[in-house]
C-alpha atoms as a PDB file:
ATOM      1  CA  MET A   1     113.757  88.005  69.217  1.00  0.00           C
ATOM      2  CA  THR A   2     115.766  86.570  66.308  1.00  0.00           C
ATOM      3  CA  ALA A   3     118.952  84.455  66.507  1.00  0.00           C
ATOM      4  CA  LYS A   4     120.907  87.559  65.502  1.00  0.00           C
ATOM      5  CA  ASP A   5     119.333  89.485  68.444  1.00  0.00           C
ATOM      6  CA  ASP A   6     120.295  86.672  70.808  1.00  0.00           C
ATOM      7  CA  ASP A   7     123.947  87.294  70.010  1.00  0.00           C
ATOM      8  CA  LEU A   8     123.593  90.789  71.447  1.00  0.00           C
ATOM      9  CA  VAL A   9     122.125  89.617  74.783  1.00  0.00           C
ATOM     10  CA  LEU A  10     124.569  89.077  77.680  1.00  0.00           C
ATOM     11  CA  ASP A  11     124.169  89.027  81.433  1.00  0.00           C
ATOM     12  CA  GLY A  12     125.026  91.847  83.839  1.00  0.00           C
ATOM     13  CA  ASN A  13     128.593  90.604  84.197  1.00  0.00           C
ATOM     14  CA  ALA A  14     129.227  92.222  80.802  1.00  0.00           C
ATOM     15  CA  ALA A  15     128.857  95.622  82.533  1.00  0.00           C
ATOM     16  CA  ALA A  16     131.083  94.716  85.503  1.00  0.00           C
ATOM     17  CA  GLY A  17     134.099  96.735  84.327  1.00  0.00           C
ATOM     18  CA  THR A  18     132.110  99.857  83.617  1.00  0.00           C
ATOM     19  CA  LEU A  19     130.189  99.609  86.883  1.00  0.00           C
ATOM     20  CA  ALA A  20     133.469  99.160  88.798  1.00  0.00           C
ATOM     21  CA  GLU A  21     134.899 102.265  87.079  1.00  0.00           C
ATOM     22  CA  ILE A  22     131.841 104.295  88.137  1.00  0.00           C
ATOM     23  CA  TYR A  23     131.281 102.959  91.685  1.00  0.00           C
ATOM     24  CA  GLY A  24     134.799 101.822  92.559  1.00  0.00           C
ATOM     25  CA  ASP A  25     133.669  98.394  93.591  1.00  0.00           C
ATOM     26  CA  ASP A  26     132.237  95.140  92.222  1.00  0.00           C
ATOM     27  CA  MET A  27     128.550  95.926  91.703  1.00  0.00           C
ATOM     28  CA  THR A  28     127.562  92.593  90.120  1.00  0.00           C
ATOM     29  CA  THR A  29     126.689  91.070  93.513  1.00  0.00           C
ATOM     30  CA  VAL A  30     124.424  93.953  94.529  1.00  0.00           C
ATOM     31  CA  LEU A  31     120.717  93.093  94.711  1.00  0.00           C
ATOM     32  CA  ALA A  32     118.448  95.235  92.564  1.00  0.00           C
ATOM     33  CA  GLU A  33     114.657  95.302  92.632  1.00  0.00           C
ATOM     34  CA  CYS A  34     112.755  96.102  89.452  1.00  0.00           C
ATOM     35  CA  ALA A  35     110.683  99.231  89.955  1.00  0.00           C
ATOM     36  CA  SER A  36     108.080  97.807  87.611  1.00  0.00           C
ATOM     37  CA  CYS A  37     107.466  94.213  88.640  1.00  0.00           C
ATOM     38  CA  GLY A  38     109.338  93.939  91.931  1.00  0.00           C
ATOM     39  CA  LYS A  39     111.608  91.023  90.947  1.00  0.00           C
ATOM     40  CA  VAL A  40     114.843  91.029  92.908  1.00  0.00           C
ATOM     41  CA  ASP A  41     118.016  89.877  91.194  1.00  0.00           C
ATOM     42  CA  HIS A  42     121.737  90.440  91.406  1.00  0.00           C
ATOM     43  CA  VAL A  43     123.011  93.004  88.922  1.00  0.00           C
ATOM     44  CA  ALA A  44     125.040  90.171  87.332  1.00  0.00           C
ATOM     45  CA  GLY A  45     121.755  88.369  86.596  1.00  0.00           C
ATOM     46  CA  LEU A  46     120.156  91.185  84.689  1.00  0.00           C
ATOM     47  CA  VAL A  47     119.919  91.125  80.891  1.00  0.00           C
ATOM     48  CA  ALA A  48     122.645  93.310  79.410  1.00  0.00           C
ATOM     49  CA  TYR A  49     122.872  95.021  76.022  1.00  0.00           C
ATOM     50  CA  VAL A  50     126.335  96.496  75.560  1.00  0.00           C
ATOM     51  CA  HIS A  51     126.659  96.755  71.746  1.00  0.00           C
ATOM     52  CA  ALA A  52     125.318 100.302  71.476  1.00  0.00           C
ATOM     53  CA  PRO A  53     126.409 103.787  72.377  1.00  0.00           C
ATOM     54  CA  GLY A  54     125.672 102.882  75.980  1.00  0.00           C
ATOM     55  CA  ILE A  55     124.873  99.953  78.247  1.00  0.00           C
ATOM     56  CA  VAL A  56     121.321  98.907  79.109  1.00  0.00           C
ATOM     57  CA  LEU A  57     120.499  96.430  81.876  1.00  0.00           C
ATOM     58  CA  ARG A  58     116.953  95.016  81.859  1.00  0.00           C
ATOM     59  CA  CYS A  59     114.831  93.010  84.259  1.00  0.00           C
ATOM     60  CA  THR A  60     114.779  89.275  83.463  1.00  0.00           C
ATOM     61  CA  ALA A  61     111.080  89.003  84.318  1.00  0.00           C
ATOM     62  CA  CYS A  62     109.450  91.956  82.605  1.00  0.00           C
ATOM     63  CA  SER A  63     112.233  93.454  80.455  1.00  0.00           C
ATOM     64  CA  THR A  64     111.898  96.879  82.072  1.00  0.00           C
ATOM     65  CA  VAL A  65     115.070  98.963  81.671  1.00  0.00           C
ATOM     66  CA  MET A  66     116.570  99.117  85.159  1.00  0.00           C
ATOM     67  CA  ILE A  67     119.981 100.755  84.517  1.00  0.00           C
ATOM     68  CA  ARG A  68     121.282 102.870  81.623  1.00  0.00           C
ATOM     69  CA  ILE A  69     124.922 103.940  81.335  1.00  0.00           C
ATOM     70  CA  VAL A  70     126.297 106.284  78.692  1.00  0.00           C
ATOM     71  CA  GLN A  71     129.906 107.428  78.615  1.00  0.00           C
ATOM     72  CA  THR A  72     131.049 110.483  76.682  1.00  0.00           C
ATOM     73  CA  PRO A  73     134.576 111.892  76.500  1.00  0.00           C
ATOM     74  CA  LYS A  74     133.697 114.344  79.264  1.00  0.00           C
ATOM     75  CA  ARG A  75     131.057 112.647  81.400  1.00  0.00           C
ATOM     76  CA  THR A  76     129.387 109.434  82.393  1.00  0.00           C
ATOM     77  CA  PHE A  77     125.590 109.362  82.740  1.00  0.00           C
ATOM     78  CA  VAL A  78     123.942 106.717  84.883  1.00  0.00           C
ATOM     79  CA  ASP A  79     120.179 106.355  85.033  1.00  0.00           C
ATOM     80  CA  VAL A  80     118.793 103.930  87.653  1.00  0.00           C
ATOM     81  CA  ARG A  81     115.167 104.992  87.669  1.00  0.00           C
ATOM     82  CA  GLY A  82     114.051 101.433  86.817  1.00  0.00           C
ATOM     83  CA  LYS A  83     115.798  99.964  89.867  1.00  0.00           C
ATOM     84  CA  ARG A  84     115.092  99.984  93.581  1.00  0.00           C
ATOM     85  CA  ILE A  85     117.562  98.800  96.147  1.00  0.00           C
ATOM     86  CA  PRO A  86     115.741  96.351  98.475  1.00  0.00           C
ATOM     87  CA  PRO A  87     115.740  97.312 102.135  1.00  0.00           C
ATOM     88  CA  PRO A  88     118.153  95.388 104.368  1.00  0.00           C
ATOM     89  CA  SER A  89     116.914  92.144 105.870  1.00  0.00           C
ATOM     90  CA  THR A  90     115.185  92.599 109.192  1.00  0.00           C
ATOM     91  CA  LYS A  91     116.043  89.137 110.501  1.00  0.00           C
ATOM     92  CA  THR A  92     117.006  89.137 114.202  1.00  0.00           C
END
């Protein structure tokens, strides 16, 4: 990655507004598990690319695309195939 590429890399907080529009709540604190490597991180901690026609959120460990968001004038498309939601804690 070059220095110019580094300028394009943000964290998941950069997608907070768009995620709140879609889900109606703050999604940056939600835990997401990478479907590829299994790393669990808050959505805010993911690597975000927002300077394109859409938003891409990637795993910090393996760079797998976890969430894609594309907004058109008529629709919003959300692809979360790269993300799993970890099961709730079973602590008693």
